[in-house]
């Protein structure tokens, strides 16, 4: 089984009217429940729109990228499925529920994690 990161950029849902967000929330929660019921859901969620903090190798903390300046992740899901095709099917379901395109990337296997 492989794990996949399914994500969308901050701002990808800006086209959705405020009044439609409850329906989007219900639809996305339904897909998450389906993924849980199917045994493929690992973790996921939306990220607050804010500036990130960057922690350097020496422990120094600096201001990170501004969401307005470069693409940053706005939300993500991590699933575990047998094939990339399955990951793409789940991404399509998430995209329909969230009303925005999703990026799919395989997570590298680390036997020590």
C-alpha atoms as a PDB file:
ATOM      1  CA  UNK A   1       0.000   0.000   0.000  1.00  0.00           C
ATOM      2  CA  UNK A   2       1.166   3.491  -0.813  1.00  0.00           C
ATOM      3  CA  UNK A   3       0.351   6.770   0.871  1.00  0.00           C
ATOM      4  CA  UNK A   4      -0.636   9.822  -1.167  1.00  0.00           C
ATOM      5  CA  UNK A   5      -0.895  13.494  -0.387  1.00  0.00           C
ATOM      6  CA  UNK A   6      -3.936  15.088  -2.009  1.00  0.00           C
ATOM      7  CA  UNK A   7      -3.831  18.874  -1.662  1.00  0.00           C
ATOM      8  CA  UNK A   8      -5.030  22.198  -2.982  1.00  0.00           C
ATOM      9  CA  UNK A   9      -3.510  25.664  -2.919  1.00  0.00           C
ATOM     10  CA  UNK A  10      -4.545  28.418  -0.566  1.00  0.00           C
ATOM     11  CA  UNK A  11      -7.099  30.512  -2.407  1.00  0.00           C
ATOM     12  CA  UNK A  12      -8.341  27.644  -4.582  1.00  0.00           C
ATOM     13  CA  UNK A  13     -11.753  27.910  -2.961  1.00  0.00           C
ATOM     14  CA  UNK A  14     -12.019  31.709  -3.163  1.00  0.00           C
ATOM     15  CA  UNK A  15     -14.495  31.402  -6.051  1.00  0.00           C
ATOM     16  CA  UNK A  16     -17.080  29.766  -3.781  1.00  0.00           C
ATOM     17  CA  UNK A  17     -19.813  32.075  -2.486  1.00  0.00           C
ATOM     18  CA  UNK A  18     -19.980  32.401   1.306  1.00  0.00           C
ATOM     19  CA  UNK A  19     -23.530  31.034   1.265  1.00  0.00           C
ATOM     20  CA  UNK A  20     -22.298  27.832  -0.431  1.00  0.00           C
ATOM     21  CA  UNK A  21     -19.664  26.955   2.179  1.00  0.00           C
ATOM     22  CA  UNK A  22     -22.019  24.911   4.400  1.00  0.00           C
ATOM     23  CA  UNK A  23     -22.853  22.670   1.410  1.00  0.00           C
ATOM     24  CA  UNK A  24     -19.169  22.366   0.522  1.00  0.00           C
ATOM     25  CA  UNK A  25     -18.408  21.414   4.131  1.00  0.00           C
ATOM     26  CA  UNK A  26     -21.125  18.765   4.156  1.00  0.00           C
ATOM     27  CA  UNK A  27     -19.954  17.324   0.833  1.00  0.00           C
ATOM     28  CA  UNK A  28     -16.296  17.218   1.874  1.00  0.00           C
ATOM     29  CA  UNK A  29     -17.136  15.665   5.253  1.00  0.00           C
ATOM     30  CA  UNK A  30     -19.180  13.015   3.435  1.00  0.00           C
ATOM     31  CA  UNK A  31     -16.186  12.109   1.238  1.00  0.00           C
ATOM     32  CA  UNK A  32     -13.939  11.930   4.308  1.00  0.00           C
ATOM     33  CA  UNK A  33     -16.432   9.581   5.959  1.00  0.00           C
ATOM     34  CA  UNK A  34     -16.506   7.428   2.809  1.00  0.00           C
ATOM     35  CA  UNK A  35     -12.694   7.277   2.873  1.00  0.00           C
ATOM     36  CA  UNK A  36     -12.744   6.319   6.554  1.00  0.00           C
ATOM     37  CA  UNK A  37     -15.375   3.655   5.908  1.00  0.00           C
ATOM     38  CA  UNK A  38     -13.225   2.308   3.046  1.00  0.00           C
ATOM     39  CA  UNK A  39     -10.195   2.178   5.370  1.00  0.00           C
ATOM     40  CA  UNK A  40      -8.045   4.497   3.215  1.00  0.00           C
ATOM     41  CA  UNK A  41      -8.168   7.712   5.282  1.00  0.00           C
ATOM     42  CA  UNK A  42      -5.037   8.611   7.284  1.00  0.00           C
ATOM     43  CA  UNK A  43      -5.423  12.330   8.076  1.00  0.00           C
ATOM     44  CA  UNK A  44      -6.317  15.649   6.557  1.00  0.00           C
ATOM     45  CA  UNK A  45      -7.673  19.127   7.054  1.00  0.00           C
ATOM     46  CA  UNK A  46      -7.696  22.717   5.949  1.00  0.00           C
ATOM     47  CA  UNK A  47      -4.983  25.156   6.896  1.00  0.00           C
ATOM     48  CA  UNK A  48      -5.577  28.597   8.338  1.00  0.00           C
ATOM     49  CA  UNK A  49      -4.754  31.412   5.955  1.00  0.00           C
ATOM     50  CA  UNK A  50      -1.764  32.961   7.657  1.00  0.00           C
ATOM     51  CA  UNK A  51       1.911  33.574   7.242  1.00  0.00           C
ATOM     52  CA  UNK A  52       4.026  30.528   8.052  1.00  0.00           C
ATOM     53  CA  UNK A  53       7.005  30.464  10.389  1.00  0.00           C
ATOM     54  CA  UNK A  54      10.209  28.921   9.082  1.00  0.00           C
ATOM     55  CA  UNK A  55      12.461  27.133  11.568  1.00  0.00           C
ATOM     56  CA  UNK A  56      16.050  26.834  10.315  1.00  0.00           C
ATOM     57  CA  UNK A  57      18.445  24.000  11.072  1.00  0.00           C
ATOM     58  CA  UNK A  58      19.993  26.130  13.829  1.00  0.00           C
ATOM     59  CA  UNK A  59      16.577  26.703  15.406  1.00  0.00           C
ATOM     60  CA  UNK A  60      16.258  30.319  14.225  1.00  0.00           C
ATOM     61  CA  UNK A  61      12.674  31.312  13.446  1.00  0.00           C
ATOM     62  CA  UNK A  62      11.854  33.674  10.593  1.00  0.00           C
ATOM     63  CA  UNK A  63       8.724  34.776   8.799  1.00  0.00           C
ATOM     64  CA  UNK A  64       7.732  32.350   6.098  1.00  0.00           C
ATOM     65  CA  UNK A  65       6.115  32.817   2.731  1.00  0.00           C
ATOM     66  CA  UNK A  66       3.127  35.108   2.497  1.00  0.00           C
ATOM     67  CA  UNK A  67       0.114  33.351   0.935  1.00  0.00           C
ATOM     68  CA  UNK A  68      -0.302  36.320  -1.423  1.00  0.00           C
ATOM     69  CA  UNK A  69       3.282  36.012  -2.660  1.00  0.00           C
ATOM     70  CA  UNK A  70       3.564  32.326  -3.553  1.00  0.00           C
ATOM     71  CA  UNK A  71       1.537  29.149  -3.690  1.00  0.00           C
ATOM     72  CA  UNK A  72       1.043  27.523  -0.315  1.00  0.00           C
ATOM     73  CA  UNK A  73      -1.064  24.553   0.713  1.00  0.00           C
ATOM     74  CA  UNK A  74      -4.613  25.470   1.704  1.00  0.00           C
ATOM     75  CA  UNK A  75      -5.791  21.981   2.629  1.00  0.00           C
ATOM     76  CA  UNK A  76      -4.735  18.365   2.349  1.00  0.00           C
ATOM     77  CA  UNK A  77      -5.676  14.733   2.753  1.00  0.00           C
ATOM     78  CA  UNK A  78      -3.411  11.750   3.259  1.00  0.00           C
ATOM     79  CA  UNK A  79      -4.754   8.415   2.101  1.00  0.00           C
ATOM     80  CA  UNK A  80      -3.335   4.909   1.812  1.00  0.00           C
ATOM     81  CA  UNK A  81      -4.357   2.916  -1.241  1.00  0.00           C
ATOM     82  CA  UNK A  82      -2.971   0.129  -3.416  1.00  0.00           C
ATOM     83  CA  UNK A  83      -2.562   2.087  -6.654  1.00  0.00           C
ATOM     84  CA  UNK A  84      -2.100   5.587  -8.020  1.00  0.00           C
ATOM     85  CA  UNK A  85      -5.329   5.076  -9.955  1.00  0.00           C
ATOM     86  CA  UNK A  86      -7.189   4.677  -6.660  1.00  0.00           C
ATOM     87  CA  UNK A  87      -5.540   7.833  -5.309  1.00  0.00           C
ATOM     88  CA  UNK A  88      -6.696   9.714  -8.400  1.00  0.00           C
ATOM     89  CA  UNK A  89     -10.250   8.417  -7.912  1.00  0.00           C
ATOM     90  CA  UNK A  90     -10.285   9.700  -4.328  1.00  0.00           C
ATOM     91  CA  UNK A  91      -8.801  13.011  -5.472  1.00  0.00           C
ATOM     92  CA  UNK A  92     -11.621  13.348  -8.007  1.00  0.00           C
ATOM     93  CA  UNK A  93     -14.191  12.807  -5.260  1.00  0.00           C
ATOM     94  CA  UNK A  94     -12.483  15.363  -3.038  1.00  0.00           C
ATOM     95  CA  UNK A  95     -12.236  17.841  -5.928  1.00  0.00           C
ATOM     96  CA  UNK A  96     -15.958  17.545  -6.625  1.00  0.00           C
ATOM     97  CA  UNK A  97     -16.832  18.003  -2.941  1.00  0.00           C
ATOM     98  CA  UNK A  98     -14.444  20.930  -2.383  1.00  0.00           C
ATOM     99  CA  UNK A  99     -15.183  22.470  -5.782  1.00  0.00           C
ATOM    100  CA  UNK A 100     -11.500  22.920  -6.574  1.00  0.00           C
ATOM    101  CA  UNK A 101      -8.741  20.988  -8.317  1.00  0.00           C
ATOM    102  CA  UNK A 102      -6.518  18.684  -6.254  1.00  0.00           C
ATOM    103  CA  UNK A 103      -2.827  17.854  -6.607  1.00  0.00           C
ATOM    104  CA  UNK A 104      -1.854  14.203  -6.035  1.00  0.00           C
ATOM    105  CA  UNK A 105       1.639  13.209  -4.928  1.00  0.00           C
ATOM    106  CA  UNK A 106       2.955   9.884  -3.673  1.00  0.00           C
ATOM    107  CA  UNK A 107       4.611  10.012  -0.271  1.00  0.00           C
ATOM    108  CA  UNK A 108       8.025   8.366  -0.241  1.00  0.00           C
ATOM    109  CA  UNK A 109       8.128   5.199   1.845  1.00  0.00           C
ATOM    110  CA  UNK A 110      10.372   5.374   4.899  1.00  0.00           C
ATOM    111  CA  UNK A 111      10.657   2.011   6.684  1.00  0.00           C
ATOM    112  CA  UNK A 112      11.743   3.755   9.905  1.00  0.00           C
ATOM    113  CA  UNK A 113       8.719   6.043  10.203  1.00  0.00           C
END
